[in-house]
Amino acid sequence: MASPKLSTALEQGVPPSTVSPARESLRARPARRRPGGGRGHRAAGPLFVAPFLVLFLSLFLAPLGYAAYLSLFQQRLVGGTTFVGLGNYVTALKDPLLLHGVGRVAEFFVIQVPLMLLLALLFALALDSGLLRLARAIRIGIFMPYAVPGVVATLMWGYLYGPDFGPFAQLSRRLDLPAPHFLSDGWMLGSLANIVTWEFVGYNMIILYAALRTIPQELYEAAAVDGAGAWRTAWSIKLPALRPTLLLVLLFSVIGSFQLFNEPSLMMRIAPDVISSSYTANLYAYSLAFTGQQLNYAATVSFLLGLVIVIASYAILLISNRRRAA
């Protein structure tokens, strides 16, 4: 006697050979699932993220929160540590040393960053053009200063700037010319900008060069078919493709400029009459904390400096987005 499934198939006109009882039984069985398989995958995600979260909380958020807590107090000779709320912030906003330090760093940013990014862009375009011989050696040579520690680079340039035994001063004397005063008050900011530019041109050049290598080759082929030369290709294809990367390196430069510390800290030992402990805002916060033992006020200055960096970065992003929308 035929099975009910086979009889139904015969009534519908399906050939008996196409209906297999074994296949029907396999179809009828529900698919087996591994017990707890979905829950295991869901539980594995937080485990992979846990190391980053632990480091982020312990090395970033916890110190940041503790600094915010310290900035709300003030240590006095009479009464000890007392809660002052936003009193430290009001004092900092009227502090001429802090205001001059922030203004000096802003001037440094306006002078140094455009020059550094322009040099990095020119080097990246030249390397990407394929017209240079020994391009790998040139690329390594431009990047090499970034591998030099900032302390070593500052000491090296401090010796080159020296008015007594520096090579520039000795060459000027042999030519009967006045020695350049690289360590004077009028030249110091430019001398620091030269050191930072020498250090970070190669770093930014590598980022821009890597972005250029990701541009599809089909765009270059289409430009060649249209008769575009090297300059036209760079202006119409390469530079528009580099806008997001240029914005990224600009934001990095904003953060680095307002955090300027190593170079003026070391040059202060070479030219103490020119660079004071409040020459930059970051150096001022360090001097308050470890020289003046004013931890609460140093935390306040650090918070305000971070706020300045956030505002400057947001302003650059806002201007960039408006230009892109226009």
C-alpha atoms as a PDB file:
ATOM      1  CA  MET A   1       0.000   0.000   0.000  1.00  0.00           C
ATOM      2  CA  ALA A   2       1.405   3.427  -1.027  1.00  0.00           C
ATOM      3  CA  SER A   3       2.234   6.002   1.590  1.00  0.00           C
ATOM      4  CA  PRO A   4      -0.015   9.059   1.944  1.00  0.00           C
ATOM      5  CA  LYS A   5       2.759  11.358   0.636  1.00  0.00           C
ATOM      6  CA  LEU A   6       3.241   9.136  -2.436  1.00  0.00           C
ATOM      7  CA  SER A   7      -0.538   9.009  -3.087  1.00  0.00           C
ATOM      8  CA  THR A   8      -0.744  12.805  -2.902  1.00  0.00           C
ATOM      9  CA  ALA A   9       2.119  13.103  -5.354  1.00  0.00           C
ATOM     10  CA  LEU A  10       0.398  10.663  -7.781  1.00  0.00           C
ATOM     11  CA  GLU A  11      -2.862  12.635  -7.576  1.00  0.00           C
ATOM     12  CA  GLN A  12      -0.993  15.859  -8.453  1.00  0.00           C
ATOM     13  CA  GLY A  13       0.634  14.228 -11.462  1.00  0.00           C
ATOM     14  CA  VAL A  14       4.164  14.029 -10.087  1.00  0.00           C
ATOM     15  CA  PRO A  15       6.133  11.002 -11.298  1.00  0.00           C
ATOM     16  CA  PRO A  16       6.791   8.469  -8.577  1.00  0.00           C
ATOM     17  CA  SER A  17      10.492   8.399  -9.374  1.00  0.00           C
ATOM     18  CA  THR A  18      10.883  12.034  -8.352  1.00  0.00           C
ATOM     19  CA  VAL A  19       9.443  11.440  -4.898  1.00  0.00           C
ATOM     20  CA  SER A  20      11.876   9.738  -2.569  1.00  0.00           C
ATOM     21  CA  PRO A  21      10.674   8.639   0.851  1.00  0.00           C
ATOM     22  CA  ALA A  22      14.172   9.112   2.226  1.00  0.00           C
ATOM     23  CA  ARG A  23      14.328  12.649   0.867  1.00  0.00           C
ATOM     24  CA  GLU A  24      10.878  13.381   2.276  1.00  0.00           C
ATOM     25  CA  SER A  25      11.970  12.155   5.658  1.00  0.00           C
ATOM     26  CA  LEU A  26      15.058  14.383   5.508  1.00  0.00           C
ATOM     27  CA  ARG A  27      12.935  17.367   4.616  1.00  0.00           C
ATOM     28  CA  ALA A  28      10.551  16.621   7.420  1.00  0.00           C
ATOM     29  CA  ARG A  29      13.329  16.627  10.008  1.00  0.00           C
ATOM     30  CA  PRO A  30      14.002  20.009  11.601  1.00  0.00           C
ATOM     31  CA  ALA A  31      17.512  21.407  11.166  1.00  0.00           C
ATOM     32  CA  ARG A  32      19.732  20.714  14.133  1.00  0.00           C
ATOM     33  CA  ARG A  33      21.332  23.685  15.826  1.00  0.00           C
ATOM     34  CA  ARG A  34      24.282  23.608  18.031  1.00  0.00           C
ATOM     35  CA  PRO A  35      23.235  24.279  21.590  1.00  0.00           C
ATOM     36  CA  GLY A  36      24.147  27.824  22.564  1.00  0.00           C
ATOM     37  CA  GLY A  37      25.862  28.575  19.226  1.00  0.00           C
ATOM     38  CA  GLY A  38      24.256  32.005  18.758  1.00  0.00           C
ATOM     39  CA  ARG A  39      24.780  32.928  22.375  1.00  0.00           C
ATOM     40  CA  GLY A  40      28.445  31.925  22.101  1.00  0.00           C
ATOM     41  CA  HIS A  41      29.055  34.206  19.138  1.00  0.00           C
ATOM     42  CA  ARG A  42      27.285  37.064  20.865  1.00  0.00           C
ATOM     43  CA  ALA A  43      29.350  36.574  24.008  1.00  0.00           C
ATOM     44  CA  ALA A  44      32.630  36.443  22.064  1.00  0.00           C
ATOM     45  CA  GLY A  45      32.230  40.009  20.751  1.00  0.00           C
ATOM     46  CA  PRO A  46      32.635  41.798  24.094  1.00  0.00           C
ATOM     47  CA  LEU A  47      35.589  39.567  24.920  1.00  0.00           C
ATOM     48  CA  PHE A  48      37.472  40.792  21.864  1.00  0.00           C
ATOM     49  CA  VAL A  49      36.644  44.420  22.666  1.00  0.00           C
ATOM     50  CA  ALA A  50      37.423  44.045  26.382  1.00  0.00           C
ATOM     51  CA  PRO A  51      41.223  44.672  26.163  1.00  0.00           C
ATOM     52  CA  PHE A  52      40.675  47.971  24.343  1.00  0.00           C
ATOM     53  CA  LEU A  53      37.929  49.030  26.741  1.00  0.00           C
ATOM     54  CA  VAL A  54      40.070  48.249  29.771  1.00  0.00           C
ATOM     55  CA  LEU A  55      43.012  50.249  28.422  1.00  0.00           C
ATOM     56  CA  PHE A  56      40.746  53.087  27.280  1.00  0.00           C
ATOM     57  CA  LEU A  57      39.061  53.347  30.664  1.00  0.00           C
ATOM     58  CA  SER A  58      42.212  52.976  32.753  1.00  0.00           C
ATOM     59  CA  LEU A  59      44.633  55.060  30.658  1.00  0.00           C
ATOM     60  CA  PHE A  60      42.331  57.746  29.244  1.00  0.00           C
ATOM     61  CA  LEU A  61      38.970  58.193  30.926  1.00  0.00           C
ATOM     62  CA  ALA A  62      40.140  57.548  34.493  1.00  0.00           C
ATOM     63  CA  PRO A  63      43.050  60.063  34.374  1.00  0.00           C
ATOM     64  CA  LEU A  64      40.796  62.533  32.574  1.00  0.00           C
ATOM     65  CA  GLY A  65      38.136  62.226  35.243  1.00  0.00           C
ATOM     66  CA  TYR A  66      40.697  62.556  38.022  1.00  0.00           C
ATOM     67  CA  ALA A  67      42.135  65.688  36.391  1.00  0.00           C
ATOM     68  CA  ALA A  68      38.622  67.144  36.159  1.00  0.00           C
ATOM     69  CA  TYR A  69      38.161  66.384  39.835  1.00  0.00           C
ATOM     70  CA  LEU A  70      41.445  68.079  40.759  1.00  0.00           C
ATOM     71  CA  SER A  71      40.584  71.200  38.750  1.00  0.00           C
ATOM     72  CA  LEU A  72      37.624  71.883  41.035  1.00  0.00           C
ATOM     73  CA  PHE A  73      39.783  72.239  44.157  1.00  0.00           C
ATOM     74  CA  GLN A  74      42.464  74.601  45.341  1.00  0.00           C
ATOM     75  CA  GLN A  75      45.209  74.053  47.876  1.00  0.00           C
ATOM     76  CA  ARG A  76      45.631  76.965  50.257  1.00  0.00           C
ATOM     77  CA  LEU A  77      48.067  77.668  53.025  1.00  0.00           C
ATOM     78  CA  VAL A  78      45.201  78.199  55.452  1.00  0.00           C
ATOM     79  CA  GLY A  79      42.430  75.663  55.259  1.00  0.00           C
ATOM     80  CA  GLY A  80      44.187  73.079  53.112  1.00  0.00           C
ATOM     81  CA  THR A  81      42.459  71.780  50.011  1.00  0.00           C
ATOM     82  CA  THR A  82      39.094  73.469  49.493  1.00  0.00           C
ATOM     83  CA  PHE A  83      36.428  73.166  46.847  1.00  0.00           C
ATOM     84  CA  VAL A  84      36.331  76.236  44.569  1.00  0.00           C
ATOM     85  CA  GLY A  85      34.144  74.959  41.712  1.00  0.00           C
ATOM     86  CA  LEU A  86      34.944  76.880  38.531  1.00  0.00           C
ATOM     87  CA  GLY A  87      37.139  79.377  40.328  1.00  0.00           C
ATOM     88  CA  ASN A  88      40.326  77.940  38.827  1.00  0.00           C
ATOM     89  CA  TYR A  89      38.881  78.243  35.338  1.00  0.00           C
ATOM     90  CA  VAL A  90      37.971  81.891  35.900  1.00  0.00           C
ATOM     91  CA  THR A  91      41.513  82.558  37.107  1.00  0.00           C
ATOM     92  CA  ALA A  92      43.025  80.720  34.127  1.00  0.00           C
ATOM     93  CA  LEU A  93      40.993  82.698  31.605  1.00  0.00           C
ATOM     94  CA  LYS A  94      42.498  85.884  33.062  1.00  0.00           C
ATOM     95  CA  ASP A  95      46.036  84.489  33.363  1.00  0.00           C
ATOM     96  CA  PRO A  96      48.305  86.503  31.008  1.00  0.00           C
ATOM     97  CA  LEU A  97      50.951  83.780  30.973  1.00  0.00           C
ATOM     98  CA  LEU A  98      48.452  81.194  29.726  1.00  0.00           C
ATOM     99  CA  LEU A  99      46.905  83.566  27.192  1.00  0.00           C
ATOM    100  CA  HIS A 100      50.305  84.514  25.780  1.00  0.00           C
ATOM    101  CA  GLY A 101      51.291  80.847  25.588  1.00  0.00           C
ATOM    102  CA  VAL A 102      48.133  79.898  23.680  1.00  0.00           C
ATOM    103  CA  GLY A 103      48.576  82.888  21.352  1.00  0.00           C
ATOM    104  CA  ARG A 104      52.202  81.953  20.686  1.00  0.00           C
ATOM    105  CA  VAL A 105      51.220  78.382  19.857  1.00  0.00           C
ATOM    106  CA  ALA A 106      48.475  79.658  17.540  1.00  0.00           C
ATOM    107  CA  GLU A 107      51.050  81.787  15.752  1.00  0.00           C
ATOM    108  CA  PHE A 108      53.317  78.760  15.513  1.00  0.00           C
ATOM    109  CA  PHE A 109      50.462  76.772  13.971  1.00  0.00           C
ATOM    110  CA  VAL A 110      49.725  79.445  11.359  1.00  0.00           C
ATOM    111  CA  ILE A 111      53.394  79.622  10.314  1.00  0.00           C
ATOM    112  CA  GLN A 112      54.557  76.026  10.543  1.00  0.00           C
ATOM    113  CA  VAL A 113      51.643  73.802   9.564  1.00  0.00           C
ATOM    114  CA  PRO A 114      50.926  75.220   6.065  1.00  0.00           C
ATOM    115  CA  LEU A 115      54.626  75.066   5.183  1.00  0.00           C
ATOM    116  CA  MET A 116      54.989  71.512   6.464  1.00  0.00           C
ATOM    117  CA  LEU A 117      51.895  70.211   4.671  1.00  0.00           C
ATOM    118  CA  LEU A 118      52.880  71.962   1.439  1.00  0.00           C
ATOM    119  CA  LEU A 119      56.316  70.333   1.484  1.00  0.00           C
ATOM    120  CA  ALA A 120      54.807  66.940   2.327  1.00  0.00           C
ATOM    121  CA  LEU A 121      52.307  67.278  -0.526  1.00  0.00           C
ATOM    122  CA  LEU A 122      54.984  68.269  -3.046  1.00  0.00           C
ATOM    123  CA  PHE A 123      57.201  65.353  -2.034  1.00  0.00           C
ATOM    124  CA  ALA A 124      54.278  62.906  -2.212  1.00  0.00           C
ATOM    125  CA  LEU A 125      53.250  64.129  -5.680  1.00  0.00           C
ATOM    126  CA  ALA A 126      56.838  63.961  -6.922  1.00  0.00           C
ATOM    127  CA  LEU A 127      57.265  60.394  -5.672  1.00  0.00           C
ATOM    128  CA  ASP A 128      53.910  59.320  -7.112  1.00  0.00           C
ATOM    129  CA  SER A 129      54.678  60.806 -10.529  1.00  0.00           C
ATOM    130  CA  GLY A 130      57.163  58.022 -11.294  1.00  0.00           C
ATOM    131  CA  LEU A 131      59.612  60.504 -12.833  1.00  0.00           C
ATOM    132  CA  LEU A 132      62.165  60.404 -10.021  1.00  0.00           C
ATOM    133  CA  ARG A 133      65.101  58.067 -10.087  1.00  0.00           C
ATOM    134  CA  LEU A 134      65.931  56.186  -6.914  1.00  0.00           C
ATOM    135  CA  ALA A 135      62.419  56.933  -5.636  1.00  0.00           C
ATOM    136  CA  ARG A 136      62.690  54.402  -2.808  1.00  0.00           C
ATOM    137  CA  ALA A 137      65.929  55.877  -1.505  1.00  0.00           C
ATOM    138  CA  ILE A 138      64.478  59.392  -1.713  1.00  0.00           C
ATOM    139  CA  ARG A 139      61.327  58.280   0.126  1.00  0.00           C
ATOM    140  CA  ILE A 140      63.364  56.692   2.919  1.00  0.00           C
ATOM    141  CA  GLY A 141      65.596  59.764   3.121  1.00  0.00           C
ATOM    142  CA  ILE A 142      62.639  62.122   3.523  1.00  0.00           C
ATOM    143  CA  PHE A 143      61.032  59.862   6.124  1.00  0.00           C
ATOM    144  CA  MET A 144      64.270  59.289   8.074  1.00  0.00           C
ATOM    145  CA  PRO A 145      64.065  62.450  10.268  1.00  0.00           C
ATOM    146  CA  TYR A 146      60.795  61.170  11.726  1.00  0.00           C
ATOM    147  CA  ALA A 147      62.680  58.128  13.038  1.00  0.00           C
ATOM    148  CA  VAL A 148      65.027  60.417  14.977  1.00  0.00           C
ATOM    149  CA  PRO A 149      63.746  60.985  18.544  1.00  0.00           C
ATOM    150  CA  GLY A 150      62.505  64.486  19.176  1.00  0.00           C
ATOM    151  CA  VAL A 151      65.035  65.013  21.974  1.00  0.00           C
ATOM    152  CA  VAL A 152      67.947  64.121  19.710  1.00  0.00           C
ATOM    153  CA  ALA A 153      66.602  66.278  16.882  1.00  0.00           C
ATOM    154  CA  THR A 154      66.193  69.304  19.167  1.00  0.00           C
ATOM    155  CA  LEU A 155      69.689  68.952  20.633  1.00  0.00           C
ATOM    156  CA  MET A 156      71.160  68.544  17.154  1.00  0.00           C
ATOM    157  CA  TRP A 157      69.461  71.673  15.830  1.00  0.00           C
ATOM    158  CA  GLY A 158      70.323  73.527  19.025  1.00  0.00           C
ATOM    159  CA  TYR A 159      73.981  72.888  18.255  1.00  0.00           C
ATOM    160  CA  LEU A 160      73.495  74.026  14.645  1.00  0.00           C
ATOM    161  CA  TYR A 161      71.802  77.202  15.882  1.00  0.00           C
ATOM    162  CA  GLY A 162      74.587  77.964  18.364  1.00  0.00           C
ATOM    163  CA  PRO A 163      75.948  81.517  18.055  1.00  0.00           C
ATOM    164  CA  ASP A 164      79.468  80.553  19.191  1.00  0.00           C
ATOM    165  CA  PHE A 165      80.333  77.097  17.870  1.00  0.00           C
ATOM    166  CA  GLY A 166      77.495  76.383  15.451  1.00  0.00           C
ATOM    167  CA  PRO A 167      78.427  75.791  11.787  1.00  0.00           C
ATOM    168  CA  PHE A 168      76.181  78.640  10.617  1.00  0.00           C
ATOM    169  CA  ALA A 169      77.922  81.098  12.932  1.00  0.00           C
ATOM    170  CA  GLN A 170      81.394  79.867  11.931  1.00  0.00           C
ATOM    171  CA  LEU A 171      80.570  80.100   8.238  1.00  0.00           C
ATOM    172  CA  SER A 172      79.257  83.643   8.712  1.00  0.00           C
ATOM    173  CA  ARG A 173      82.499  84.684  10.422  1.00  0.00           C
ATOM    174  CA  ARG A 174      84.619  83.273   7.637  1.00  0.00           C
ATOM    175  CA  LEU A 175      82.575  85.247   5.129  1.00  0.00           C
ATOM    176  CA  ASP A 176      82.815  88.376   7.305  1.00  0.00           C
ATOM    177  CA  LEU A 177      79.045  88.397   7.757  1.00  0.00           C
ATOM    178  CA  PRO A 178      77.075  88.906  10.960  1.00  0.00           C
ATOM    179  CA  ALA A 179      76.185  85.616  12.622  1.00  0.00           C
ATOM    180  CA  PRO A 180      72.473  84.758  12.443  1.00  0.00           C
ATOM    181  CA  HIS A 181      70.736  84.906  15.794  1.00  0.00           C
ATOM    182  CA  PHE A 182      68.596  81.790  15.533  1.00  0.00           C
ATOM    183  CA  LEU A 183      68.190  81.649  19.311  1.00  0.00           C
ATOM    184  CA  SER A 184      67.095  85.249  19.764  1.00  0.00           C
ATOM    185  CA  ASP A 185      63.606  86.302  20.739  1.00  0.00           C
ATOM    186  CA  GLY A 186      62.653  87.305  17.206  1.00  0.00           C
ATOM    187  CA  TRP A 187      63.947  84.097  15.607  1.00  0.00           C
ATOM    188  CA  MET A 188      63.076  81.487  18.221  1.00  0.00           C
ATOM    189  CA  LEU A 189      59.567  80.680  17.024  1.00  0.00           C
ATOM    190  CA  GLY A 190      60.828  80.212  13.471  1.00  0.00           C
ATOM    191  CA  SER A 191      63.686  78.039  14.736  1.00  0.00           C
ATOM    192  CA  LEU A 192      61.243  75.790  16.580  1.00  0.00           C
ATOM    193  CA  ALA A 193      59.028  75.642  13.486  1.00  0.00           C
ATOM    194  CA  ASN A 194      62.033  74.530  11.439  1.00  0.00           C
ATOM    195  CA  ILE A 195      62.774  71.678  13.865  1.00  0.00           C
ATOM    196  CA  VAL A 196      59.176  70.424  13.868  1.00  0.00           C
ATOM    197  CA  THR A 197      58.947  70.729  10.077  1.00  0.00           C
ATOM    198  CA  TRP A 198      62.175  68.765   9.653  1.00  0.00           C
ATOM    199  CA  GLU A 199      60.797  66.042  11.930  1.00  0.00           C
ATOM    200  CA  PHE A 200      57.277  65.620  10.539  1.00  0.00           C
ATOM    201  CA  VAL A 201      57.435  66.356   6.808  1.00  0.00           C
ATOM    202  CA  GLY A 202      58.339  62.737   6.111  1.00  0.00           C
ATOM    203  CA  TYR A 203      55.555  61.396   8.325  1.00  0.00           C
ATOM    204  CA  ASN A 204      52.879  63.429   6.543  1.00  0.00           C
ATOM    205  CA  MET A 205      54.456  62.667   3.180  1.00  0.00           C
ATOM    206  CA  ILE A 206      54.077  58.921   3.766  1.00  0.00           C
ATOM    207  CA  ILE A 207      50.382  59.339   4.638  1.00  0.00           C
ATOM    208  CA  LEU A 208      49.714  61.403   1.511  1.00  0.00           C
ATOM    209  CA  TYR A 209      51.769  59.080  -0.670  1.00  0.00           C
ATOM    210  CA  ALA A 210      49.838  56.059   0.592  1.00  0.00           C
ATOM    211  CA  ALA A 211      46.580  57.842  -0.241  1.00  0.00           C
ATOM    212  CA  LEU A 212      47.832  58.588  -3.756  1.00  0.00           C
ATOM    213  CA  ARG A 213      48.609  54.913  -4.345  1.00  0.00           C
ATOM    214  CA  THR A 214      44.954  54.019  -3.703  1.00  0.00           C
ATOM    215  CA  ILE A 215      43.624  56.136  -6.587  1.00  0.00           C
ATOM    216  CA  PRO A 216      42.243  53.788  -9.308  1.00  0.00           C
ATOM    217  CA  GLN A 217      44.472  53.449 -12.338  1.00  0.00           C
ATOM    218  CA  GLU A 218      41.441  53.797 -14.616  1.00  0.00           C
ATOM    219  CA  LEU A 219      41.233  57.505 -13.771  1.00  0.00           C
ATOM    220  CA  TYR A 220      44.786  58.067 -14.976  1.00  0.00           C
ATOM    221  CA  GLU A 221      44.076  56.124 -18.161  1.00  0.00           C
ATOM    222  CA  ALA A 222      40.949  58.193 -18.830  1.00  0.00           C
ATOM    223  CA  ALA A 223      42.910  61.407 -18.241  1.00  0.00           C
ATOM    224  CA  ALA A 224      45.626  60.254 -20.659  1.00  0.00           C
ATOM    225  CA  VAL A 225      42.994  59.495 -23.294  1.00  0.00           C
ATOM    226  CA  ASP A 226      41.602  63.016 -22.872  1.00  0.00           C
ATOM    227  CA  GLY A 227      45.090  64.440 -23.377  1.00  0.00           C
ATOM    228  CA  ALA A 228      45.687  65.618 -19.795  1.00  0.00           C
ATOM    229  CA  GLY A 229      49.313  66.179 -18.855  1.00  0.00           C
ATOM    230  CA  ALA A 230      51.046  65.548 -15.550  1.00  0.00           C
ATOM    231  CA  TRP A 231      50.100  68.926 -14.039  1.00  0.00           C
ATOM    232  CA  ARG A 232      46.482  68.659 -15.163  1.00  0.00           C
ATOM    233  CA  THR A 233      46.232  65.119 -13.794  1.00  0.00           C
ATOM    234  CA  ALA A 234      47.638  66.217 -10.443  1.00  0.00           C
ATOM    235  CA  TRP A 235      45.267  69.189 -10.232  1.00  0.00           C
ATOM    236  CA  SER A 236      42.065  67.472 -11.407  1.00  0.00           C
ATOM    237  CA  ILE A 237      42.508  63.916 -10.089  1.00  0.00           C
ATOM    238  CA  LYS A 238      45.142  63.671  -7.376  1.00  0.00           C
ATOM    239  CA  LEU A 239      44.389  66.773  -5.327  1.00  0.00           C
ATOM    240  CA  PRO A 240      40.601  66.176  -5.139  1.00  0.00           C
ATOM    241  CA  ALA A 241      41.247  62.581  -4.107  1.00  0.00           C
ATOM    242  CA  LEU A 242      43.608  63.801  -1.361  1.00  0.00           C
ATOM    243  CA  ARG A 243      41.133  66.132   0.335  1.00  0.00           C
ATOM    244  CA  PRO A 244      40.039  63.675   3.070  1.00  0.00           C
ATOM    245  CA  THR A 245      43.656  62.730   3.758  1.00  0.00           C
ATOM    246  CA  LEU A 246      44.747  66.370   3.843  1.00  0.00           C
ATOM    247  CA  LEU A 247      41.999  67.068   6.354  1.00  0.00           C
ATOM    248  CA  LEU A 248      43.215  64.157   8.479  1.00  0.00           C
ATOM    249  CA  VAL A 249      46.846  65.297   8.553  1.00  0.00           C
ATOM    250  CA  LEU A 250      45.657  68.854   9.239  1.00  0.00           C
ATOM    251  CA  LEU A 251      43.768  67.663  12.325  1.00  0.00           C
ATOM    252  CA  PHE A 252      46.830  65.748  13.478  1.00  0.00           C
ATOM    253  CA  SER A 253      48.889  68.917  13.010  1.00  0.00           C
ATOM    254  CA  VAL A 254      46.405  70.980  15.041  1.00  0.00           C
ATOM    255  CA  ILE A 255      46.668  68.567  17.950  1.00  0.00           C
ATOM    256  CA  GLY A 256      50.453  68.357  17.697  1.00  0.00           C
ATOM    257  CA  SER A 257      50.942  72.115  17.453  1.00  0.00           C
ATOM    258  CA  PHE A 258      48.892  72.973  20.526  1.00  0.00           C
ATOM    259  CA  GLN A 259      50.656  70.204  22.438  1.00  0.00           C
ATOM    260  CA  LEU A 260      54.105  71.600  21.602  1.00  0.00           C
ATOM    261  CA  PHE A 261      56.365  70.633  24.492  1.00  0.00           C
ATOM    262  CA  ASN A 262      59.587  68.715  23.747  1.00  0.00           C
ATOM    263  CA  GLU A 263      61.266  71.287  21.526  1.00  0.00           C
ATOM    264  CA  PRO A 264      60.720  74.406  23.707  1.00  0.00           C
ATOM    265  CA  SER A 265      61.452  72.409  26.867  1.00  0.00           C
ATOM    266  CA  LEU A 266      64.908  71.462  25.599  1.00  0.00           C
ATOM    267  CA  MET A 267      65.632  74.778  23.917  1.00  0.00           C
ATOM    268  CA  MET A 268      64.848  76.478  27.238  1.00  0.00           C
ATOM    269  CA  ARG A 269      68.108  75.022  28.568  1.00  0.00           C
ATOM    270  CA  ILE A 270      70.021  76.431  25.593  1.00  0.00           C
ATOM    271  CA  ALA A 271      68.337  79.849  25.554  1.00  0.00           C
ATOM    272  CA  PRO A 272      66.855  80.400  29.031  1.00  0.00           C
ATOM    273  CA  ASP A 273      66.579  84.145  28.496  1.00  0.00           C
ATOM    274  CA  VAL A 274      64.272  83.655  25.505  1.00  0.00           C
ATOM    275  CA  ILE A 275      62.142  80.633  26.435  1.00  0.00           C
ATOM    276  CA  SER A 276      60.456  80.799  29.803  1.00  0.00           C
ATOM    277  CA  SER A 277      58.462  78.158  31.653  1.00  0.00           C
ATOM    278  CA  SER A 278      55.255  79.579  30.134  1.00  0.00           C
ATOM    279  CA  TYR A 279      56.462  79.772  26.529  1.00  0.00           C
ATOM    280  CA  THR A 280      53.726  77.333  25.436  1.00  0.00           C
ATOM    281  CA  ALA A 281      50.534  76.320  27.212  1.00  0.00           C
ATOM    282  CA  ASN A 282      51.639  72.700  27.553  1.00  0.00           C
ATOM    283  CA  LEU A 283      55.001  73.730  28.991  1.00  0.00           C
ATOM    284  CA  TYR A 284      53.203  76.075  31.377  1.00  0.00           C
ATOM    285  CA  ALA A 285      50.977  73.272  32.664  1.00  0.00           C
ATOM    286  CA  TYR A 286      54.022  71.038  33.173  1.00  0.00           C
ATOM    287  CA  SER A 287      55.872  73.773  35.077  1.00  0.00           C
ATOM    288  CA  LEU A 288      52.867  74.410  37.305  1.00  0.00           C
ATOM    289  CA  ALA A 289      52.522  70.724  38.171  1.00  0.00           C
ATOM    290  CA  PHE A 290      56.140  69.613  38.664  1.00  0.00           C
ATOM    291  CA  THR A 291      57.959  72.859  39.502  1.00  0.00           C
ATOM    292  CA  GLY A 292      55.353  74.972  41.242  1.00  0.00           C
ATOM    293  CA  GLN A 293      53.512  72.001  42.810  1.00  0.00           C
ATOM    294  CA  GLN A 294      50.179  73.556  41.797  1.00  0.00           C
ATOM    295  CA  LEU A 295      48.481  70.363  40.710  1.00  0.00           C
ATOM    296  CA  ASN A 296      44.952  71.750  40.809  1.00  0.00           C
ATOM    297  CA  TYR A 297      45.710  74.777  38.675  1.00  0.00           C
ATOM    298  CA  ALA A 298      47.812  72.652  36.297  1.00  0.00           C
ATOM    299  CA  ALA A 299      44.830  70.351  35.782  1.00  0.00           C
ATOM    300  CA  THR A 300      42.703  73.405  34.990  1.00  0.00           C
ATOM    301  CA  VAL A 301      45.200  74.683  32.416  1.00  0.00           C
ATOM    302  CA  SER A 302      45.376  71.236  30.826  1.00  0.00           C
ATOM    303  CA  PHE A 303      41.587  71.062  30.555  1.00  0.00           C
ATOM    304  CA  LEU A 304      41.397  74.481  28.940  1.00  0.00           C
ATOM    305  CA  LEU A 305      44.143  73.517  26.489  1.00  0.00           C
ATOM    306  CA  GLY A 306      42.196  70.399  25.547  1.00  0.00           C
ATOM    307  CA  LEU A 307      39.105  72.556  25.047  1.00  0.00           C
ATOM    308  CA  VAL A 308      41.060  74.845  22.714  1.00  0.00           C
ATOM    309  CA  ILE A 309      42.191  71.827  20.684  1.00  0.00           C
ATOM    310  CA  VAL A 310      38.620  70.538  20.423  1.00  0.00           C
ATOM    311  CA  ILE A 311      37.322  73.939  19.301  1.00  0.00           C
ATOM    312  CA  ALA A 312      40.077  74.367  16.706  1.00  0.00           C
ATOM    313  CA  SER A 313      39.550  70.853  15.327  1.00  0.00           C
ATOM    314  CA  TYR A 314      35.793  71.329  15.165  1.00  0.00           C
ATOM    315  CA  ALA A 315      36.202  74.667  13.377  1.00  0.00           C
ATOM    316  CA  ILE A 316      38.406  73.052  10.728  1.00  0.00           C
ATOM    317  CA  LEU A 317      35.914  70.221  10.222  1.00  0.00           C
ATOM    318  CA  LEU A 318      33.026  72.675   9.997  1.00  0.00           C
ATOM    319  CA  ILE A 319      34.780  74.841   7.409  1.00  0.00           C
ATOM    320  CA  SER A 320      35.750  71.785   5.387  1.00  0.00           C
ATOM    321  CA  ASN A 321      32.203  70.396   5.382  1.00  0.00           C
ATOM    322  CA  ARG A 322      30.751  73.753   4.323  1.00  0.00           C
ATOM    323  CA  ARG A 323      33.178  74.035   1.430  1.00  0.00           C
ATOM    324  CA  ARG A 324      32.400  70.501   0.361  1.00  0.00           C
ATOM    325  CA  ALA A 325      28.652  71.174   0.485  1.00  0.00           C
ATOM    326  CA  ALA A 326      29.077  74.372  -1.520  1.00  0.00           C
END
